[in-house]
Amino acid sequence: MATLPDAPTPLTGPGAEQTGEHGSLPCGIPRGGPGILGDDCWCLAGPTAAGKSAVAIPLAEQLDAEIVSADSMAVYVGLDIGTAKPTPSQRARVPHHLLDIVPASAPFSVALWLEAATAAIADIRRRGRRILVTGGTPLYLKALRDGLDPVPEADPAARAGLAAEALAFGPAVLHARLAAVDPVAARRIHPADLRRIIRALEIAAAGGRAATGWSRDLPPPWAGRFLVLDRPRRLLARRIDRRVEKMFATGLVDEVRMALATGGLGPTAGQAAGYAECLDLLAGRCTPAEAVARTQQRTRQLAKRQRTWLRSFPEALWISA
């Protein structure tokens, strides 16, 4: 990887507001968006298994930065193998934020992550260091860049009705309905991801417009500092297959057993690639070989969706590893 130029001096002034005791910004200032990112913020993104952690550590050292994780599964305590978290030696070299912040049994959302990321960035900035946001969850990166627009609150009765319909007829019926009212959201949401399908239908119904219509189109605030690490498709697929095999060989099933014994896996963690398959394996719904194969397939599909999402960042500089 080519040597990168020094980042500018850390931002001060209006863009460097401090956070309150619980990580929320002062009243009237939106979380995320151009007011949070500044010339001291860099981003290294990419599909799963592209090798982001190996590049992020020396890059952070070069920038004199601390790393803010943008990985939707790395937030969970005890889920280390299936999330490929940075190793203890990597964390010792560079401080990491937003790893191991909630129990595996807890639900988690982009809004919760954004609040925690905003607080972490403000803390790093107060100490005069730069920020390197690293991860493969593009929805988190988009929220950090653009902020979050308000969306309708969930209607428990409507949600229960949709869940009952999915139980009776399968999630594909709801996914087809979502495709009719919001084809963009339907393309981004896997047909089996019932939780996100239901939420997208709730937003569309309550707001009277497509769920994707709630997002804002703001100028990119970190142009020139957004890097996407990628690999040729076939090579990435081989890396994914090897990673999944290694995860199962080094204790992923035992990791899930431990999570079940200490509170369980919540609705978010329990649907993730690898963890859902381990739950099926432990319940006798598939064989070990089937669990590995399904996890490999789902992870390859995840990488494809990540690539598609990341292409929506016009400020991104793609780097072939």
C-alpha atoms as a PDB file:
ATOM      1  CA  MET A   1       0.000   0.000   0.000  1.00  0.00           C
ATOM      2  CA  ALA A   2       1.348   3.398  -0.931  1.00  0.00           C
ATOM      3  CA  THR A   3       2.359   5.794   1.840  1.00  0.00           C
ATOM      4  CA  LEU A   4      -0.425   8.221   2.623  1.00  0.00           C
ATOM      5  CA  PRO A   5       0.133  11.943   3.183  1.00  0.00           C
ATOM      6  CA  ASP A   6      -0.120  13.317   6.679  1.00  0.00           C
ATOM      7  CA  ALA A   7      -3.628  14.202   7.769  1.00  0.00           C
ATOM      8  CA  PRO A   8      -4.343  17.855   8.556  1.00  0.00           C
ATOM      9  CA  THR A   9      -4.226  19.268  12.061  1.00  0.00           C
ATOM     10  CA  PRO A  10      -7.085  18.025  14.281  1.00  0.00           C
ATOM     11  CA  LEU A  11     -10.282  19.989  13.914  1.00  0.00           C
ATOM     12  CA  THR A  12     -11.190  22.572  16.518  1.00  0.00           C
ATOM     13  CA  GLY A  13     -14.085  24.960  16.828  1.00  0.00           C
ATOM     14  CA  PRO A  14     -17.732  24.373  15.892  1.00  0.00           C
ATOM     15  CA  GLY A  15     -17.128  20.917  14.460  1.00  0.00           C
ATOM     16  CA  ALA A  16     -15.566  19.616  17.665  1.00  0.00           C
ATOM     17  CA  GLU A  17     -18.451  19.840  20.130  1.00  0.00           C
ATOM     18  CA  GLN A  18     -18.020  17.828  23.301  1.00  0.00           C
ATOM     19  CA  THR A  19     -20.517  15.235  24.355  1.00  0.00           C
ATOM     20  CA  GLY A  20     -22.481  15.001  27.545  1.00  0.00           C
ATOM     21  CA  GLU A  21     -22.293  12.427  30.305  1.00  0.00           C
ATOM     22  CA  HIS A  22     -24.168   9.729  28.391  1.00  0.00           C
ATOM     23  CA  GLY A  23     -22.632  10.365  24.971  1.00  0.00           C
ATOM     24  CA  SER A  24     -25.462  12.491  23.566  1.00  0.00           C
ATOM     25  CA  LEU A  25     -24.745  15.769  21.844  1.00  0.00           C
ATOM     26  CA  PRO A  26     -25.987  19.130  23.122  1.00  0.00           C
ATOM     27  CA  CYS A  27     -29.652  19.831  22.351  1.00  0.00           C
ATOM     28  CA  GLY A  28     -30.243  20.858  18.751  1.00  0.00           C
ATOM     29  CA  ILE A  29     -27.066  19.301  17.297  1.00  0.00           C
ATOM     30  CA  PRO A  30     -27.781  16.145  15.278  1.00  0.00           C
ATOM     31  CA  ARG A  31     -25.745  13.048  15.890  1.00  0.00           C
ATOM     32  CA  GLY A  32     -23.476  12.232  12.981  1.00  0.00           C
ATOM     33  CA  GLY A  33     -23.204  14.299   9.829  1.00  0.00           C
ATOM     34  CA  PRO A  34     -20.674  16.891   8.693  1.00  0.00           C
ATOM     35  CA  GLY A  35     -20.600  18.545  12.130  1.00  0.00           C
ATOM     36  CA  ILE A  36     -18.968  15.421  13.597  1.00  0.00           C
ATOM     37  CA  LEU A  37     -16.539  14.457  10.858  1.00  0.00           C
ATOM     38  CA  GLY A  38     -13.628  16.767  10.159  1.00  0.00           C
ATOM     39  CA  ASP A  39     -10.180  16.924   8.633  1.00  0.00           C
ATOM     40  CA  ASP A  40      -8.926  14.730  11.470  1.00  0.00           C
ATOM     41  CA  CYS A  41     -11.222  11.843  10.451  1.00  0.00           C
ATOM     42  CA  TRP A  42     -10.296   9.047   8.068  1.00  0.00           C
ATOM     43  CA  CYS A  43     -12.185   5.907   7.077  1.00  0.00           C
ATOM     44  CA  LEU A  44     -11.023   2.456   5.995  1.00  0.00           C
ATOM     45  CA  ALA A  45     -13.903   0.290   4.800  1.00  0.00           C
ATOM     46  CA  GLY A  46     -14.270  -2.817   2.694  1.00  0.00           C
ATOM     47  CA  PRO A  47     -16.086  -6.133   2.370  1.00  0.00           C
ATOM     48  CA  THR A  48     -15.659  -8.795   5.005  1.00  0.00           C
ATOM     49  CA  ALA A  49     -12.389 -10.777   4.824  1.00  0.00           C
ATOM     50  CA  ALA A  50     -10.690  -8.140   2.668  1.00  0.00           C
ATOM     51  CA  GLY A  51      -8.001  -7.686   5.336  1.00  0.00           C
ATOM     52  CA  LYS A  52      -9.043  -4.367   6.862  1.00  0.00           C
ATOM     53  CA  SER A  53      -7.599  -5.010  10.331  1.00  0.00           C
ATOM     54  CA  ALA A  54      -4.141  -5.806   8.985  1.00  0.00           C
ATOM     55  CA  VAL A  55      -4.100  -2.506   7.077  1.00  0.00           C
ATOM     56  CA  ALA A  56      -5.852  -0.421   9.732  1.00  0.00           C
ATOM     57  CA  ILE A  57      -3.206  -0.940  12.429  1.00  0.00           C
ATOM     58  CA  PRO A  58      -0.187   0.477  10.522  1.00  0.00           C
ATOM     59  CA  LEU A  59      -2.391   3.151   8.938  1.00  0.00           C
ATOM     60  CA  ALA A  60      -3.595   4.306  12.357  1.00  0.00           C
ATOM     61  CA  GLU A  61      -0.018   4.375  13.616  1.00  0.00           C
ATOM     62  CA  GLN A  62       1.024   6.460  10.616  1.00  0.00           C
ATOM     63  CA  LEU A  63      -1.829   8.905  11.179  1.00  0.00           C
ATOM     64  CA  ASP A  64      -1.423   8.998  14.981  1.00  0.00           C
ATOM     65  CA  ALA A  65      -5.060   7.898  15.120  1.00  0.00           C
ATOM     66  CA  GLU A  66      -7.281   5.761  17.294  1.00  0.00           C
ATOM     67  CA  ILE A  67      -9.658   3.298  15.680  1.00  0.00           C
ATOM     68  CA  VAL A  68     -13.445   3.532  15.905  1.00  0.00           C
ATOM     69  CA  SER A  69     -14.998   0.228  14.849  1.00  0.00           C
ATOM     70  CA  ALA A  70     -17.889   0.371  12.373  1.00  0.00           C
ATOM     71  CA  ASP A  71     -18.735  -3.318  12.599  1.00  0.00           C
ATOM     72  CA  SER A  72     -22.293  -4.191  13.595  1.00  0.00           C
ATOM     73  CA  MET A  73     -21.261  -7.480  15.240  1.00  0.00           C
ATOM     74  CA  ALA A  74     -18.021  -6.438  16.955  1.00  0.00           C
ATOM     75  CA  VAL A  75     -20.084  -4.507  19.510  1.00  0.00           C
ATOM     76  CA  TYR A  76     -21.043  -7.784  21.241  1.00  0.00           C
ATOM     77  CA  VAL A  77     -19.205  -9.049  24.307  1.00  0.00           C
ATOM     78  CA  GLY A  78     -17.983 -12.624  23.933  1.00  0.00           C
ATOM     79  CA  LEU A  79     -18.576 -12.908  20.187  1.00  0.00           C
ATOM     80  CA  ASP A  80     -14.946 -12.847  19.101  1.00  0.00           C
ATOM     81  CA  ILE A  81     -14.336 -15.733  16.719  1.00  0.00           C
ATOM     82  CA  GLY A  82     -17.319 -15.218  14.434  1.00  0.00           C
ATOM     83  CA  THR A  83     -16.733 -11.463  14.238  1.00  0.00           C
ATOM     84  CA  ALA A  84     -12.968 -11.710  13.560  1.00  0.00           C
ATOM     85  CA  LYS A  85     -12.279  -8.986  16.116  1.00  0.00           C
ATOM     86  CA  PRO A  86      -8.812  -7.423  16.240  1.00  0.00           C
ATOM     87  CA  THR A  87      -6.408  -9.547  18.254  1.00  0.00           C
ATOM     88  CA  PRO A  88      -5.136  -8.493  21.704  1.00  0.00           C
ATOM     89  CA  SER A  89      -1.763  -7.627  20.168  1.00  0.00           C
ATOM     90  CA  GLN A  90      -3.429  -5.401  17.559  1.00  0.00           C
ATOM     91  CA  ARG A  91      -5.469  -3.646  20.245  1.00  0.00           C
ATOM     92  CA  ALA A  92      -2.295  -3.124  22.261  1.00  0.00           C
ATOM     93  CA  ARG A  93      -0.681  -1.291  19.333  1.00  0.00           C
ATOM     94  CA  VAL A  94      -3.624   1.041  18.654  1.00  0.00           C
ATOM     95  CA  PRO A  95      -6.560   1.945  20.946  1.00  0.00           C
ATOM     96  CA  HIS A  96      -9.890   0.610  19.618  1.00  0.00           C
ATOM     97  CA  HIS A  97     -13.361   1.927  20.391  1.00  0.00           C
ATOM     98  CA  LEU A  98     -16.865   0.359  20.121  1.00  0.00           C
ATOM     99  CA  LEU A  99     -15.708  -3.212  20.602  1.00  0.00           C
ATOM    100  CA  ASP A 100     -17.427  -5.295  23.313  1.00  0.00           C
ATOM    101  CA  ILE A 101     -19.913  -2.636  24.404  1.00  0.00           C
ATOM    102  CA  VAL A 102     -23.180  -4.625  24.711  1.00  0.00           C
ATOM    103  CA  PRO A 103     -24.093  -8.184  25.761  1.00  0.00           C
ATOM    104  CA  ALA A 104     -24.820 -10.678  23.008  1.00  0.00           C
ATOM    105  CA  SER A 105     -28.410 -10.952  24.205  1.00  0.00           C
ATOM    106  CA  ALA A 106     -29.126  -7.268  23.565  1.00  0.00           C
ATOM    107  CA  PRO A 107     -30.652  -5.842  20.388  1.00  0.00           C
ATOM    108  CA  PHE A 108     -28.595  -3.141  18.712  1.00  0.00           C
ATOM    109  CA  SER A 109     -29.315  -0.481  16.117  1.00  0.00           C
ATOM    110  CA  VAL A 110     -27.600   2.048  13.908  1.00  0.00           C
ATOM    111  CA  ALA A 111     -28.915   4.828  16.159  1.00  0.00           C
ATOM    112  CA  LEU A 112     -27.276   3.304  19.241  1.00  0.00           C
ATOM    113  CA  TRP A 113     -24.026   2.828  17.359  1.00  0.00           C
ATOM    114  CA  LEU A 114     -24.108   6.392  16.069  1.00  0.00           C
ATOM    115  CA  GLU A 115     -24.547   7.782  19.567  1.00  0.00           C
ATOM    116  CA  ALA A 116     -21.611   5.711  20.838  1.00  0.00           C
ATOM    117  CA  ALA A 117     -19.454   6.629  17.823  1.00  0.00           C
ATOM    118  CA  THR A 118     -20.187  10.321  18.283  1.00  0.00           C
ATOM    119  CA  ALA A 119     -19.065  10.124  21.908  1.00  0.00           C
ATOM    120  CA  ALA A 120     -15.908   8.162  21.005  1.00  0.00           C
ATOM    121  CA  ILE A 121     -14.914  10.620  18.279  1.00  0.00           C
ATOM    122  CA  ALA A 122     -15.378  13.563  20.617  1.00  0.00           C
ATOM    123  CA  ASP A 123     -13.261  11.844  23.268  1.00  0.00           C
ATOM    124  CA  ILE A 124     -10.442  11.071  20.830  1.00  0.00           C
ATOM    125  CA  ARG A 125     -10.539  14.615  19.502  1.00  0.00           C
ATOM    126  CA  ARG A 126     -10.315  16.118  22.988  1.00  0.00           C
ATOM    127  CA  ARG A 127      -7.055  14.247  23.457  1.00  0.00           C
ATOM    128  CA  GLY A 128      -5.626  15.730  20.265  1.00  0.00           C
ATOM    129  CA  ARG A 129      -5.472  12.503  18.267  1.00  0.00           C
ATOM    130  CA  ARG A 130      -6.930  11.645  14.851  1.00  0.00           C
ATOM    131  CA  ILE A 131      -9.768   9.244  14.145  1.00  0.00           C
ATOM    132  CA  LEU A 132      -9.729   6.205  11.844  1.00  0.00           C
ATOM    133  CA  VAL A 133     -13.175   4.673  11.378  1.00  0.00           C
ATOM    134  CA  THR A 134     -12.755   1.058  10.292  1.00  0.00           C
ATOM    135  CA  GLY A 135     -15.332  -1.555   9.413  1.00  0.00           C
ATOM    136  CA  GLY A 136     -17.585  -3.229   6.919  1.00  0.00           C
ATOM    137  CA  THR A 137     -21.044  -2.006   7.929  1.00  0.00           C
ATOM    138  CA  PRO A 138     -21.818   0.666   5.320  1.00  0.00           C
ATOM    139  CA  LEU A 139     -25.088   1.652   6.993  1.00  0.00           C
ATOM    140  CA  TYR A 140     -23.090   2.773  10.039  1.00  0.00           C
ATOM    141  CA  LEU A 141     -20.682   4.739   7.848  1.00  0.00           C
ATOM    142  CA  LYS A 142     -23.543   6.427   6.024  1.00  0.00           C
ATOM    143  CA  ALA A 143     -25.182   7.385   9.313  1.00  0.00           C
ATOM    144  CA  LEU A 144     -21.910   8.812  10.597  1.00  0.00           C
ATOM    145  CA  ARG A 145     -21.421  10.814   7.409  1.00  0.00           C
ATOM    146  CA  ASP A 146     -24.989  12.046   6.902  1.00  0.00           C
ATOM    147  CA  GLY A 147     -26.632  11.762  10.302  1.00  0.00           C
ATOM    148  CA  LEU A 148     -30.012  10.142  10.852  1.00  0.00           C
ATOM    149  CA  ASP A 149     -33.335  11.593   9.849  1.00  0.00           C
ATOM    150  CA  PRO A 150     -36.238  10.858  12.196  1.00  0.00           C
ATOM    151  CA  VAL A 151     -38.309   7.832  11.225  1.00  0.00           C
ATOM    152  CA  PRO A 152     -41.709   6.751  12.520  1.00  0.00           C
ATOM    153  CA  GLU A 153     -41.793   4.847  15.794  1.00  0.00           C
ATOM    154  CA  ALA A 154     -42.669   1.175  15.661  1.00  0.00           C
ATOM    155  CA  ASP A 155     -46.319   0.205  16.050  1.00  0.00           C
ATOM    156  CA  PRO A 156     -46.359  -2.912  18.288  1.00  0.00           C
ATOM    157  CA  ALA A 157     -49.714  -4.102  16.949  1.00  0.00           C
ATOM    158  CA  ALA A 158     -48.677  -3.697  13.310  1.00  0.00           C
ATOM    159  CA  ARG A 159     -45.335  -5.360  14.011  1.00  0.00           C
ATOM    160  CA  ALA A 160     -47.052  -8.324  15.675  1.00  0.00           C
ATOM    161  CA  GLY A 161     -49.378  -8.663  12.710  1.00  0.00           C
ATOM    162  CA  LEU A 162     -46.497  -8.698  10.232  1.00  0.00           C
ATOM    163  CA  ALA A 163     -44.574 -11.218  12.348  1.00  0.00           C
ATOM    164  CA  ALA A 164     -47.628 -13.489  12.494  1.00  0.00           C
ATOM    165  CA  GLU A 165     -48.040 -13.243   8.735  1.00  0.00           C
ATOM    166  CA  ALA A 166     -44.379 -14.172   8.233  1.00  0.00           C
ATOM    167  CA  LEU A 167     -44.800 -17.153  10.560  1.00  0.00           C
ATOM    168  CA  ALA A 168     -47.822 -18.362   8.609  1.00  0.00           C
ATOM    169  CA  PHE A 169     -46.654 -17.735   5.046  1.00  0.00           C
ATOM    170  CA  GLY A 170     -42.885 -17.162   5.280  1.00  0.00           C
ATOM    171  CA  PRO A 171     -40.761 -13.983   5.111  1.00  0.00           C
ATOM    172  CA  ALA A 172     -40.694 -14.110   1.296  1.00  0.00           C
ATOM    173  CA  VAL A 173     -44.287 -12.839   1.243  1.00  0.00           C
ATOM    174  CA  LEU A 174     -43.326  -9.735   3.217  1.00  0.00           C
ATOM    175  CA  HIS A 175     -40.186  -9.240   1.146  1.00  0.00           C
ATOM    176  CA  ALA A 176     -42.285  -9.277  -2.037  1.00  0.00           C
ATOM    177  CA  ARG A 177     -44.579  -6.654  -0.505  1.00  0.00           C
ATOM    178  CA  LEU A 178     -41.581  -4.522   0.390  1.00  0.00           C
ATOM    179  CA  ALA A 179     -40.331  -4.816  -3.199  1.00  0.00           C
ATOM    180  CA  ALA A 180     -43.623  -3.351  -4.356  1.00  0.00           C
ATOM    181  CA  VAL A 181     -43.536  -0.309  -2.045  1.00  0.00           C
ATOM    182  CA  ASP A 182     -39.781   0.238  -1.791  1.00  0.00           C
ATOM    183  CA  PRO A 183     -37.749  -1.706  -4.384  1.00  0.00           C
ATOM    184  CA  VAL A 184     -34.502  -0.010  -3.333  1.00  0.00           C
ATOM    185  CA  ALA A 185     -34.866  -1.201   0.255  1.00  0.00           C
ATOM    186  CA  ALA A 186     -35.905  -4.657  -0.937  1.00  0.00           C
ATOM    187  CA  ARG A 187     -32.712  -4.994  -2.974  1.00  0.00           C
ATOM    188  CA  ARG A 188     -30.626  -4.085   0.071  1.00  0.00           C
ATOM    189  CA  ILE A 189     -32.410  -6.399   2.522  1.00  0.00           C
ATOM    190  CA  HIS A 190     -31.976 -10.160   2.318  1.00  0.00           C
ATOM    191  CA  PRO A 191     -35.284 -12.007   1.783  1.00  0.00           C
ATOM    192  CA  ALA A 192     -34.678 -13.944   5.018  1.00  0.00           C
ATOM    193  CA  ASP A 193     -33.847 -10.899   7.157  1.00  0.00           C
ATOM    194  CA  LEU A 194     -37.306 -10.667   8.706  1.00  0.00           C
ATOM    195  CA  ARG A 195     -36.448  -8.017  11.290  1.00  0.00           C
ATOM    196  CA  ARG A 196     -35.263  -5.493   8.696  1.00  0.00           C
ATOM    197  CA  ILE A 197     -38.087  -6.357   6.275  1.00  0.00           C
ATOM    198  CA  ILE A 198     -40.684  -5.641   8.944  1.00  0.00           C
ATOM    199  CA  ARG A 199     -39.002  -2.387   9.953  1.00  0.00           C
ATOM    200  CA  ALA A 200     -38.854  -1.192   6.346  1.00  0.00           C
ATOM    201  CA  LEU A 201     -42.550  -1.972   5.883  1.00  0.00           C
ATOM    202  CA  GLU A 202     -43.367  -0.117   9.119  1.00  0.00           C
ATOM    203  CA  ILE A 203     -41.522   2.981   7.961  1.00  0.00           C
ATOM    204  CA  ALA A 204     -43.108   2.942   4.530  1.00  0.00           C
ATOM    205  CA  ALA A 205     -46.603   2.473   5.981  1.00  0.00           C
ATOM    206  CA  ALA A 206     -46.296   5.015   8.802  1.00  0.00           C
ATOM    207  CA  GLY A 207     -44.557   7.672   6.755  1.00  0.00           C
ATOM    208  CA  GLY A 208     -46.528   7.265   3.579  1.00  0.00           C
ATOM    209  CA  ARG A 209     -43.333   7.076   1.553  1.00  0.00           C
ATOM    210  CA  ALA A 210     -40.525   4.658   0.864  1.00  0.00           C
ATOM    211  CA  ALA A 211     -38.161   3.844   3.728  1.00  0.00           C
ATOM    212  CA  THR A 212     -35.212   4.948   1.646  1.00  0.00           C
ATOM    213  CA  GLY A 213     -36.824   8.342   1.250  1.00  0.00           C
ATOM    214  CA  TRP A 214     -35.926   9.237   4.826  1.00  0.00           C
ATOM    215  CA  SER A 215     -32.187   9.400   4.081  1.00  0.00           C
ATOM    216  CA  ARG A 216     -30.511  12.676   3.212  1.00  0.00           C
ATOM    217  CA  ASP A 217     -28.198  13.425   0.333  1.00  0.00           C
ATOM    218  CA  LEU A 218     -25.528  15.666   1.809  1.00  0.00           C
ATOM    219  CA  PRO A 219     -22.087  16.578   0.452  1.00  0.00           C
ATOM    220  CA  PRO A 220     -19.386  14.109   1.512  1.00  0.00           C
ATOM    221  CA  PRO A 221     -17.525  15.648   4.487  1.00  0.00           C
ATOM    222  CA  TRP A 222     -14.492  13.324   4.350  1.00  0.00           C
ATOM    223  CA  ALA A 223     -13.702  13.413   0.638  1.00  0.00           C
ATOM    224  CA  GLY A 224     -10.129  12.278   0.006  1.00  0.00           C
ATOM    225  CA  ARG A 225      -9.940  10.410   3.302  1.00  0.00           C
ATOM    226  CA  PHE A 226     -12.384   7.549   2.647  1.00  0.00           C
ATOM    227  CA  LEU A 227     -10.517   4.398   1.592  1.00  0.00           C
ATOM    228  CA  VAL A 228     -12.153   1.121   0.510  1.00  0.00           C
ATOM    229  CA  LEU A 229      -9.947  -1.964   0.628  1.00  0.00           C
ATOM    230  CA  ASP A 230     -11.033  -4.571  -1.905  1.00  0.00           C
ATOM    231  CA  ARG A 231      -9.805  -7.796  -3.471  1.00  0.00           C
ATOM    232  CA  PRO A 232     -10.650  -9.607  -6.710  1.00  0.00           C
ATOM    233  CA  ARG A 233     -13.957 -11.422  -6.331  1.00  0.00           C
ATOM    234  CA  ARG A 234     -12.627 -14.975  -6.638  1.00  0.00           C
ATOM    235  CA  LEU A 235      -9.762 -14.280  -4.242  1.00  0.00           C
ATOM    236  CA  LEU A 236     -12.137 -12.732  -1.720  1.00  0.00           C
ATOM    237  CA  ALA A 237     -14.449 -15.759  -1.988  1.00  0.00           C
ATOM    238  CA  ARG A 238     -11.504 -18.084  -1.238  1.00  0.00           C
ATOM    239  CA  ARG A 239     -10.492 -15.921   1.735  1.00  0.00           C
ATOM    240  CA  ILE A 240     -14.059 -16.016   3.051  1.00  0.00           C
ATOM    241  CA  ASP A 241     -14.253 -19.807   2.723  1.00  0.00           C
ATOM    242  CA  ARG A 242     -10.927 -20.264   4.542  1.00  0.00           C
ATOM    243  CA  ARG A 243     -11.915 -17.803   7.267  1.00  0.00           C
ATOM    244  CA  VAL A 244     -15.200 -19.597   7.910  1.00  0.00           C
ATOM    245  CA  GLU A 245     -13.471 -22.989   8.038  1.00  0.00           C
ATOM    246  CA  LYS A 246     -10.955 -21.590  10.523  1.00  0.00           C
ATOM    247  CA  MET A 247     -13.711 -20.083  12.676  1.00  0.00           C
ATOM    248  CA  PHE A 248     -15.485 -23.410  13.022  1.00  0.00           C
ATOM    249  CA  ALA A 249     -12.177 -25.222  13.602  1.00  0.00           C
ATOM    250  CA  THR A 250     -11.088 -22.834  16.350  1.00  0.00           C
ATOM    251  CA  GLY A 251     -14.212 -22.843  18.485  1.00  0.00           C
ATOM    252  CA  LEU A 252     -17.105 -20.895  16.944  1.00  0.00           C
ATOM    253  CA  VAL A 253     -19.640 -23.517  18.067  1.00  0.00           C
ATOM    254  CA  ASP A 254     -18.251 -23.416  21.613  1.00  0.00           C
ATOM    255  CA  GLU A 255     -18.462 -19.612  21.509  1.00  0.00           C
ATOM    256  CA  VAL A 256     -22.177 -19.880  20.730  1.00  0.00           C
ATOM    257  CA  ARG A 257     -22.645 -22.487  23.482  1.00  0.00           C
ATOM    258  CA  MET A 258     -21.053 -20.079  25.949  1.00  0.00           C
ATOM    259  CA  ALA A 259     -23.284 -17.228  24.773  1.00  0.00           C
ATOM    260  CA  LEU A 260     -26.374 -19.404  25.216  1.00  0.00           C
ATOM    261  CA  ALA A 261     -25.264 -20.313  28.727  1.00  0.00           C
ATOM    262  CA  THR A 262     -24.674 -16.695  29.740  1.00  0.00           C
ATOM    263  CA  GLY A 263     -27.779 -14.895  28.505  1.00  0.00           C
ATOM    264  CA  GLY A 264     -28.315 -16.123  24.973  1.00  0.00           C
ATOM    265  CA  LEU A 265     -28.082 -14.510  21.570  1.00  0.00           C
ATOM    266  CA  GLY A 266     -30.445 -11.620  20.943  1.00  0.00           C
ATOM    267  CA  PRO A 267     -32.428 -10.903  17.774  1.00  0.00           C
ATOM    268  CA  THR A 268     -29.529  -9.085  16.122  1.00  0.00           C
ATOM    269  CA  ALA A 269     -26.617 -11.373  16.964  1.00  0.00           C
ATOM    270  CA  GLY A 270     -28.691 -14.526  16.482  1.00  0.00           C
ATOM    271  CA  GLN A 271     -29.356 -13.740  12.819  1.00  0.00           C
ATOM    272  CA  ALA A 272     -25.725 -13.032  11.880  1.00  0.00           C
ATOM    273  CA  ALA A 273     -23.822 -15.275   9.483  1.00  0.00           C
ATOM    274  CA  GLY A 274     -22.128 -18.036  11.436  1.00  0.00           C
ATOM    275  CA  TYR A 275     -24.129 -17.534  14.605  1.00  0.00           C
ATOM    276  CA  ALA A 276     -27.486 -18.441  13.064  1.00  0.00           C
ATOM    277  CA  GLU A 277     -25.917 -21.541  11.531  1.00  0.00           C
ATOM    278  CA  CYS A 278     -24.369 -22.557  14.866  1.00  0.00           C
ATOM    279  CA  LEU A 279     -27.765 -22.209  16.512  1.00  0.00           C
ATOM    280  CA  ASP A 280     -29.224 -24.519  13.863  1.00  0.00           C
ATOM    281  CA  LEU A 281     -26.356 -26.954  14.365  1.00  0.00           C
ATOM    282  CA  LEU A 282     -26.800 -27.064  18.130  1.00  0.00           C
ATOM    283  CA  ALA A 283     -30.560 -27.530  17.672  1.00  0.00           C
ATOM    284  CA  GLY A 284     -29.973 -30.470  15.323  1.00  0.00           C
ATOM    285  CA  ARG A 285     -31.376 -28.695  12.285  1.00  0.00           C
ATOM    286  CA  CYS A 286     -28.208 -29.144  10.207  1.00  0.00           C
ATOM    287  CA  THR A 287     -24.929 -31.056  10.163  1.00  0.00           C
ATOM    288  CA  PRO A 288     -21.508 -29.483  10.859  1.00  0.00           C
ATOM    289  CA  ALA A 289     -20.675 -29.587   7.147  1.00  0.00           C
ATOM    290  CA  GLU A 290     -23.965 -27.887   6.275  1.00  0.00           C
ATOM    291  CA  ALA A 291     -23.357 -25.195   8.891  1.00  0.00           C
ATOM    292  CA  VAL A 292     -19.956 -24.397   7.391  1.00  0.00           C
ATOM    293  CA  ALA A 293     -21.263 -24.367   3.813  1.00  0.00           C
ATOM    294  CA  ARG A 294     -24.247 -22.157   4.677  1.00  0.00           C
ATOM    295  CA  THR A 295     -22.038 -19.717   6.581  1.00  0.00           C
ATOM    296  CA  GLN A 296     -19.654 -19.500   3.641  1.00  0.00           C
ATOM    297  CA  GLN A 297     -22.517 -18.812   1.250  1.00  0.00           C
ATOM    298  CA  ARG A 298     -24.123 -16.178   3.480  1.00  0.00           C
ATOM    299  CA  THR A 299     -20.780 -14.469   4.066  1.00  0.00           C
ATOM    300  CA  ARG A 300     -20.083 -14.301   0.331  1.00  0.00           C
ATOM    301  CA  GLN A 301     -23.542 -12.768  -0.142  1.00  0.00           C
ATOM    302  CA  LEU A 302     -22.764 -10.284   2.632  1.00  0.00           C
ATOM    303  CA  ALA A 303     -19.535  -9.248   0.913  1.00  0.00           C
ATOM    304  CA  LYS A 304     -21.439  -8.684  -2.326  1.00  0.00           C
ATOM    305  CA  ARG A 305     -23.965  -6.433  -0.560  1.00  0.00           C
ATOM    306  CA  GLN A 306     -21.175  -4.545   1.195  1.00  0.00           C
ATOM    307  CA  ARG A 307     -19.518  -3.820  -2.142  1.00  0.00           C
ATOM    308  CA  THR A 308     -22.802  -2.552  -3.564  1.00  0.00           C
ATOM    309  CA  TRP A 309     -23.376  -0.281  -0.573  1.00  0.00           C
ATOM    310  CA  LEU A 310     -19.824   1.074  -0.619  1.00  0.00           C
ATOM    311  CA  ARG A 311     -20.158   2.061  -4.275  1.00  0.00           C
ATOM    312  CA  SER A 312     -22.774   4.569  -3.115  1.00  0.00           C
ATOM    313  CA  PHE A 313     -20.003   6.599  -1.428  1.00  0.00           C
ATOM    314  CA  PRO A 314     -18.784   8.891  -4.233  1.00  0.00           C
ATOM    315  CA  GLU A 315     -15.911  10.155  -2.080  1.00  0.00           C
ATOM    316  CA  ALA A 316     -14.397   6.670  -1.675  1.00  0.00           C
ATOM    317  CA  LEU A 317     -10.947   5.818  -3.039  1.00  0.00           C
ATOM    318  CA  TRP A 318     -10.878   2.101  -3.878  1.00  0.00           C
ATOM    319  CA  ILE A 319      -7.614   0.274  -3.185  1.00  0.00           C
ATOM    320  CA  SER A 320      -6.915  -3.225  -4.481  1.00  0.00           C
ATOM    321  CA  ALA A 321      -5.138  -5.384  -1.909  1.00  0.00           C
END
